[in-house]
Structure formats: structure tokens, C-alpha cells
N, C-alpha and C. Protein backbone atom coordinates (compact mmCIF):
# COMPACT_ATOMS: atom_id res chain seq x y z
N GLY A 1 -2.06 38.30 28.58
CA GLY A 1 -1.03 38.25 27.58
C GLY A 1 0.21 37.54 28.06
N SER A 2 0.58 37.79 29.32
CA SER A 2 1.81 37.15 29.82
C SER A 2 1.62 35.64 29.97
N PHE A 3 0.41 35.21 30.35
CA PHE A 3 0.15 33.78 30.43
C PHE A 3 0.23 33.13 29.05
N ALA A 4 -0.26 33.83 28.06
CA ALA A 4 -0.19 33.30 26.69
C ALA A 4 1.25 33.21 26.22
N LEU A 5 2.05 34.22 26.53
CA LEU A 5 3.47 34.19 26.16
C LEU A 5 4.19 33.04 26.84
N TRP A 6 3.94 32.85 28.13
CA TRP A 6 4.58 31.75 28.84
C TRP A 6 4.13 30.39 28.30
N SER A 7 2.88 30.27 27.91
CA SER A 7 2.40 28.98 27.38
C SER A 7 3.03 28.69 26.03
N VAL A 8 3.21 29.71 25.20
CA VAL A 8 3.88 29.52 23.91
C VAL A 8 5.34 29.13 24.11
N LEU A 9 6.01 29.80 25.04
CA LEU A 9 7.41 29.46 25.34
C LEU A 9 7.52 28.05 25.90
N LEU A 10 6.61 27.67 26.76
CA LEU A 10 6.62 26.32 27.32
C LEU A 10 6.38 25.27 26.25
N ALA A 11 5.46 25.55 25.34
CA ALA A 11 5.20 24.61 24.24
C ALA A 11 6.41 24.49 23.33
N ALA A 12 7.05 25.60 23.02
CA ALA A 12 8.25 25.56 22.18
C ALA A 12 9.37 24.79 22.86
N PHE A 13 9.56 25.01 24.15
CA PHE A 13 10.59 24.30 24.88
C PHE A 13 10.29 22.80 24.94
N GLY A 14 9.02 22.45 25.09
CA GLY A 14 8.63 21.03 25.12
C GLY A 14 8.90 20.34 23.80
N VAL A 15 8.52 20.97 22.71
CA VAL A 15 8.77 20.37 21.38
C VAL A 15 10.27 20.27 21.14
N PHE A 16 11.01 21.32 21.47
CA PHE A 16 12.46 21.30 21.29
C PHE A 16 13.10 20.19 22.12
N SER A 17 12.67 20.03 23.37
CA SER A 17 13.25 19.01 24.25
C SER A 17 13.01 17.61 23.73
N VAL A 18 11.78 17.34 23.33
CA VAL A 18 11.46 16.01 22.82
C VAL A 18 12.25 15.71 21.55
N LEU A 19 12.32 16.67 20.65
CA LEU A 19 13.06 16.43 19.41
C LEU A 19 14.56 16.34 19.63
N ALA A 20 15.10 17.16 20.52
CA ALA A 20 16.54 17.09 20.80
C ALA A 20 16.89 15.73 21.40
N PHE A 21 16.07 15.23 22.30
CA PHE A 21 16.31 13.91 22.87
C PHE A 21 16.19 12.82 21.81
N SER A 22 15.18 12.93 20.96
CA SER A 22 14.99 11.95 19.89
C SER A 22 16.17 11.94 18.93
N VAL A 23 16.67 13.12 18.59
CA VAL A 23 17.81 13.21 17.67
C VAL A 23 19.05 12.61 18.30
N SER A 24 19.26 12.86 19.59
CA SER A 24 20.44 12.29 20.24
C SER A 24 20.35 10.77 20.33
N GLN A 25 19.16 10.24 20.52
CA GLN A 25 18.98 8.80 20.58
C GLN A 25 19.10 8.14 19.20
N ARG A 26 18.79 8.89 18.16
CA ARG A 26 18.80 8.33 16.81
C ARG A 26 20.03 8.74 16.00
N ALA A 27 21.08 9.21 16.66
CA ALA A 27 22.28 9.68 15.95
C ALA A 27 22.88 8.56 15.09
N ARG A 28 22.89 7.36 15.61
CA ARG A 28 23.43 6.23 14.84
C ARG A 28 22.60 6.00 13.57
N GLU A 29 21.29 6.07 13.71
CA GLU A 29 20.42 5.89 12.54
C GLU A 29 20.71 6.95 11.48
N PHE A 30 20.86 8.20 11.91
CA PHE A 30 21.14 9.26 10.95
C PHE A 30 22.50 9.07 10.30
N GLY A 31 23.48 8.60 11.08
CA GLY A 31 24.80 8.32 10.52
C GLY A 31 24.75 7.23 9.48
N ILE A 32 24.00 6.18 9.76
CA ILE A 32 23.87 5.08 8.78
C ILE A 32 23.15 5.57 7.54
N ARG A 33 22.09 6.34 7.71
CA ARG A 33 21.36 6.88 6.55
C ARG A 33 22.28 7.72 5.67
N MET A 34 23.11 8.56 6.32
CA MET A 34 24.00 9.41 5.54
C MET A 34 25.13 8.60 4.91
N ALA A 35 25.57 7.52 5.57
CA ALA A 35 26.62 6.67 4.99
C ALA A 35 26.10 5.92 3.77
N VAL A 36 24.81 5.61 3.79
CA VAL A 36 24.22 4.86 2.67
C VAL A 36 23.88 5.78 1.51
N GLY A 37 23.81 7.08 1.76
CA GLY A 37 23.58 7.99 0.65
C GLY A 37 22.54 9.06 0.86
N ALA A 38 21.99 9.15 2.05
CA ALA A 38 21.01 10.20 2.31
C ALA A 38 21.72 11.55 2.37
N THR A 39 21.08 12.56 1.86
CA THR A 39 21.64 13.91 1.89
C THR A 39 21.22 14.61 3.18
N THR A 40 21.82 15.75 3.42
CA THR A 40 21.44 16.51 4.61
C THR A 40 19.98 16.99 4.53
N VAL A 41 19.53 17.25 3.32
CA VAL A 41 18.13 17.66 3.15
C VAL A 41 17.19 16.53 3.53
N ASP A 42 17.56 15.29 3.21
CA ASP A 42 16.73 14.15 3.57
C ASP A 42 16.63 14.01 5.09
N VAL A 43 17.74 14.19 5.78
CA VAL A 43 17.73 14.08 7.24
C VAL A 43 16.95 15.24 7.85
N LEU A 44 17.14 16.44 7.32
CA LEU A 44 16.37 17.59 7.80
C LEU A 44 14.88 17.33 7.64
N ARG A 45 14.50 16.85 6.48
CA ARG A 45 13.09 16.58 6.20
C ARG A 45 12.54 15.52 7.15
N LEU A 46 13.33 14.49 7.43
CA LEU A 46 12.89 13.42 8.32
C LEU A 46 12.63 13.93 9.73
N VAL A 47 13.53 14.73 10.26
CA VAL A 47 13.37 15.23 11.63
C VAL A 47 12.23 16.23 11.71
N ILE A 48 12.15 17.14 10.76
CA ILE A 48 11.07 18.14 10.79
C ILE A 48 9.71 17.48 10.59
N LYS A 49 9.65 16.47 9.74
CA LYS A 49 8.40 15.75 9.53
C LYS A 49 7.95 15.06 10.82
N GLY A 50 8.89 14.48 11.56
CA GLY A 50 8.55 13.86 12.83
C GLY A 50 8.06 14.88 13.85
N GLY A 51 8.72 16.02 13.90
CA GLY A 51 8.30 17.07 14.83
C GLY A 51 6.94 17.63 14.49
N LEU A 52 6.68 17.80 13.23
CA LEU A 52 5.37 18.32 12.83
C LEU A 52 4.27 17.28 13.01
N ALA A 53 4.61 15.99 12.94
CA ALA A 53 3.61 14.96 13.22
C ALA A 53 3.18 15.02 14.68
N ILE A 54 4.15 15.19 15.57
CA ILE A 54 3.84 15.35 17.00
C ILE A 54 2.98 16.60 17.21
N THR A 55 3.34 17.67 16.55
CA THR A 55 2.61 18.93 16.69
C THR A 55 1.19 18.81 16.16
N THR A 56 1.03 18.16 15.03
CA THR A 56 -0.30 17.98 14.46
C THR A 56 -1.20 17.18 15.39
N ALA A 57 -0.65 16.13 15.99
CA ALA A 57 -1.44 15.34 16.93
C ALA A 57 -1.84 16.19 18.14
N GLY A 58 -0.92 16.99 18.64
CA GLY A 58 -1.23 17.86 19.78
C GLY A 58 -2.24 18.93 19.45
N ILE A 59 -2.11 19.53 18.28
CA ILE A 59 -3.06 20.56 17.87
C ILE A 59 -4.44 19.95 17.66
N GLY A 60 -4.51 18.79 17.04
CA GLY A 60 -5.80 18.13 16.83
C GLY A 60 -6.49 17.77 18.13
N THR A 61 -5.72 17.23 19.06
CA THR A 61 -6.27 16.89 20.38
C THR A 61 -6.73 18.14 21.11
N GLY A 62 -5.94 19.19 21.04
CA GLY A 62 -6.30 20.44 21.69
C GLY A 62 -7.55 21.07 21.11
N LEU A 63 -7.68 21.03 19.79
CA LEU A 63 -8.88 21.59 19.15
C LEU A 63 -10.14 20.82 19.54
N VAL A 64 -10.04 19.50 19.55
CA VAL A 64 -11.21 18.69 19.93
C VAL A 64 -11.59 18.98 21.38
N ALA A 65 -10.61 19.02 22.27
CA ALA A 65 -10.89 19.32 23.68
C ALA A 65 -11.46 20.73 23.84
N ALA A 66 -10.93 21.68 23.10
CA ALA A 66 -11.43 23.06 23.19
C ALA A 66 -12.86 23.16 22.70
N LEU A 67 -13.18 22.46 21.63
CA LEU A 67 -14.56 22.48 21.13
C LEU A 67 -15.52 21.86 22.14
N LEU A 68 -15.08 20.78 22.78
CA LEU A 68 -15.96 20.12 23.76
C LEU A 68 -16.12 20.96 25.02
N LEU A 69 -15.07 21.61 25.45
CA LEU A 69 -15.12 22.41 26.67
C LEU A 69 -15.68 23.82 26.46
N ALA A 70 -15.81 24.25 25.21
CA ALA A 70 -16.31 25.60 24.93
C ALA A 70 -17.74 25.80 25.43
N ARG A 71 -18.52 24.77 25.33
CA ARG A 71 -19.91 24.89 25.80
C ARG A 71 -19.96 25.05 27.32
N LEU A 72 -19.07 24.36 28.02
CA LEU A 72 -19.07 24.48 29.48
C LEU A 72 -18.60 25.85 29.94
N LEU A 73 -17.67 26.43 29.21
CA LEU A 73 -17.12 27.73 29.60
C LEU A 73 -17.86 28.91 28.99
N GLY A 74 -18.87 28.64 28.19
CA GLY A 74 -19.60 29.70 27.52
C GLY A 74 -20.22 30.71 28.47
N SER A 75 -20.67 30.27 29.62
CA SER A 75 -21.30 31.19 30.58
C SER A 75 -20.27 32.07 31.29
N LEU A 76 -18.99 31.69 31.26
CA LEU A 76 -17.95 32.47 31.94
C LEU A 76 -17.34 33.54 31.04
N LEU A 77 -17.57 33.45 29.74
CA LEU A 77 -16.98 34.40 28.80
C LEU A 77 -17.90 35.59 28.61
N TYR A 78 -17.34 36.79 28.66
CA TYR A 78 -18.14 37.99 28.49
C TYR A 78 -17.71 38.67 27.19
N GLY A 79 -18.63 38.82 26.28
CA GLY A 79 -18.36 39.52 25.03
C GLY A 79 -17.67 38.68 23.97
N VAL A 80 -17.49 37.41 24.24
CA VAL A 80 -16.84 36.53 23.28
C VAL A 80 -17.72 35.29 23.11
N LYS A 81 -17.92 34.90 21.87
CA LYS A 81 -18.69 33.69 21.63
C LYS A 81 -17.87 32.48 22.09
N PRO A 82 -18.51 31.41 22.56
CA PRO A 82 -17.76 30.24 23.02
C PRO A 82 -16.87 29.64 21.93
N ILE A 83 -17.33 29.66 20.72
CA ILE A 83 -16.53 29.15 19.61
C ILE A 83 -16.19 30.34 18.73
N ASP A 84 -15.04 30.96 19.02
CA ASP A 84 -14.57 32.13 18.29
C ASP A 84 -13.71 31.66 17.12
N PRO A 85 -14.12 31.89 15.88
CA PRO A 85 -13.38 31.37 14.73
C PRO A 85 -11.94 31.88 14.66
N PHE A 86 -11.72 33.15 14.99
CA PHE A 86 -10.36 33.70 14.92
C PHE A 86 -9.43 32.96 15.89
N THR A 87 -9.90 32.72 17.08
CA THR A 87 -9.08 32.04 18.09
C THR A 87 -8.81 30.60 17.68
N PHE A 88 -9.80 29.93 17.12
CA PHE A 88 -9.64 28.53 16.73
C PHE A 88 -8.77 28.37 15.48
N VAL A 89 -8.49 29.46 14.79
CA VAL A 89 -7.57 29.40 13.64
C VAL A 89 -6.20 29.96 14.03
N ALA A 90 -6.19 31.07 14.76
CA ALA A 90 -4.92 31.74 15.09
C ALA A 90 -4.07 30.94 16.06
N ALA A 91 -4.66 30.36 17.08
CA ALA A 91 -3.89 29.63 18.09
C ALA A 91 -3.18 28.41 17.49
N PRO A 92 -3.88 27.55 16.75
CA PRO A 92 -3.17 26.42 16.14
C PRO A 92 -2.12 26.85 15.11
N ALA A 93 -2.40 27.92 14.37
CA ALA A 93 -1.41 28.40 13.40
C ALA A 93 -0.16 28.90 14.11
N LEU A 94 -0.34 29.64 15.20
CA LEU A 94 0.81 30.10 15.97
C LEU A 94 1.59 28.93 16.55
N MET A 95 0.90 27.93 17.07
CA MET A 95 1.59 26.77 17.63
C MET A 95 2.34 26.00 16.55
N ALA A 96 1.80 25.93 15.35
CA ALA A 96 2.49 25.24 14.25
C ALA A 96 3.78 25.98 13.88
N VAL A 97 3.72 27.30 13.85
CA VAL A 97 4.92 28.10 13.53
C VAL A 97 5.96 27.95 14.64
N VAL A 98 5.53 28.01 15.89
CA VAL A 98 6.45 27.86 17.02
C VAL A 98 7.08 26.47 17.01
N ALA A 99 6.29 25.45 16.74
CA ALA A 99 6.82 24.08 16.70
C ALA A 99 7.81 23.91 15.55
N LEU A 100 7.53 24.51 14.42
CA LEU A 100 8.46 24.43 13.29
C LEU A 100 9.78 25.10 13.65
N ALA A 101 9.70 26.24 14.31
CA ALA A 101 10.93 26.92 14.74
C ALA A 101 11.69 26.07 15.76
N ALA A 102 10.97 25.38 16.64
CA ALA A 102 11.62 24.53 17.64
C ALA A 102 12.22 23.28 17.01
N CYS A 103 11.75 22.88 15.85
CA CYS A 103 12.28 21.70 15.15
C CYS A 103 13.59 21.98 14.43
N ILE A 104 13.86 23.22 14.13
CA ILE A 104 14.99 23.55 13.26
C ILE A 104 16.34 23.20 13.89
N ILE A 105 16.54 23.54 15.17
CA ILE A 105 17.84 23.28 15.80
C ILE A 105 18.14 21.78 15.89
N PRO A 106 17.22 20.94 16.38
CA PRO A 106 17.52 19.50 16.37
C PRO A 106 17.70 18.94 14.96
N ALA A 107 16.97 19.47 14.00
CA ALA A 107 17.10 18.98 12.62
C ALA A 107 18.48 19.33 12.06
N LEU A 108 18.95 20.53 12.33
CA LEU A 108 20.29 20.91 11.88
C LEU A 108 21.36 20.07 12.57
N ARG A 109 21.16 19.78 13.84
CA ARG A 109 22.10 18.94 14.57
C ARG A 109 22.13 17.53 13.98
N ALA A 110 20.98 17.01 13.60
CA ALA A 110 20.93 15.67 13.01
C ALA A 110 21.58 15.64 11.63
N SER A 111 21.45 16.73 10.89
CA SER A 111 22.02 16.74 9.54
C SER A 111 23.53 16.89 9.54
N ARG A 112 24.09 17.29 10.67
CA ARG A 112 25.54 17.46 10.76
C ARG A 112 26.25 16.27 11.37
N VAL A 113 25.55 15.16 11.52
CA VAL A 113 26.15 13.95 12.08
C VAL A 113 27.21 13.44 11.12
N ASN A 114 28.38 13.12 11.66
CA ASN A 114 29.46 12.57 10.86
C ASN A 114 29.28 11.05 10.80
N PRO A 115 28.99 10.48 9.63
CA PRO A 115 28.73 9.04 9.55
C PRO A 115 29.90 8.18 10.02
N VAL A 116 31.11 8.60 9.75
CA VAL A 116 32.28 7.79 10.12
C VAL A 116 32.41 7.71 11.64
N SER A 117 32.28 8.84 12.32
CA SER A 117 32.44 8.82 13.77
C SER A 117 31.31 8.07 14.46
N VAL A 118 30.10 8.16 13.92
CA VAL A 118 28.96 7.45 14.51
C VAL A 118 29.14 5.94 14.34
N LEU A 119 29.60 5.51 13.18
CA LEU A 119 29.77 4.08 12.95
C LEU A 119 30.96 3.50 13.74
N ARG A 120 31.92 4.32 14.10
CA ARG A 120 33.06 3.84 14.89
C ARG A 120 32.80 3.81 16.38
N GLN A 121 31.71 4.38 16.83
CA GLN A 121 31.46 4.46 18.26
C GLN A 121 31.26 3.11 18.92
N GLU A 122 30.80 2.14 18.21
CA GLU A 122 30.53 0.85 18.82
C GLU A 122 31.66 -0.04 18.67
């Protein structure tokens, strides 16, 4: 259980770190979008959509790898089928929820960009 908790925390920190860095690098873009007329909801949607795209790719890759490696690890598992439907549904769903939660702080930070100050920086 503790290994699972640490892996979930590590995944959340990884998604948060990547998105926070991306938001800081794209602050000018968000400022221009908001100066042209984008609303805060549009910016929130853009950042969360990007974060969930990264998460979807990771979950898909992980599921394919898990399905391929399940046969090799089948002899090591006691009392559990190599392809357990609950695990193959619950783990990706939990990771999607954790990734969505990790996307919220960078998305809020991006939506609060002041267009005037960003455009004056250069």
C-alpha cells in the first residue's frame, strides 16, 4: 500500500511539474490570447486539455505494457489472475483523477496572467 501511495504521489508531482514548467514558458502566449479576447475559461480549458493529453498517452502506454508483461508475471502472482479487470480499470481511473487534480494549479496560474504586464516584458 505504501508503495502504491508513493507512486501516485510521484505521478501527481510529475504531472504538476511538467505543466507548471509549460505554463511558465507559455505565459506570453496566454497573455496574448487573453489580450485578443480569450476568457479565463478558455485558458483553463487549454491547459487542462494539454495535461490530460499527456496523461492519456501515459495511461495508454502503461496499459499496453501491463497487458504485455502480465503473461510474464502470471507465474509470480498468487490468487490473482494476470489480467485482473478491476485493476486494469481502477488504476488508470485513479491516475486520471490524480492528473486532473495536478492540472488545476497550473491552469489557475495560467488563467490569472495579466495581459498588459506580459506584453510589456519585452
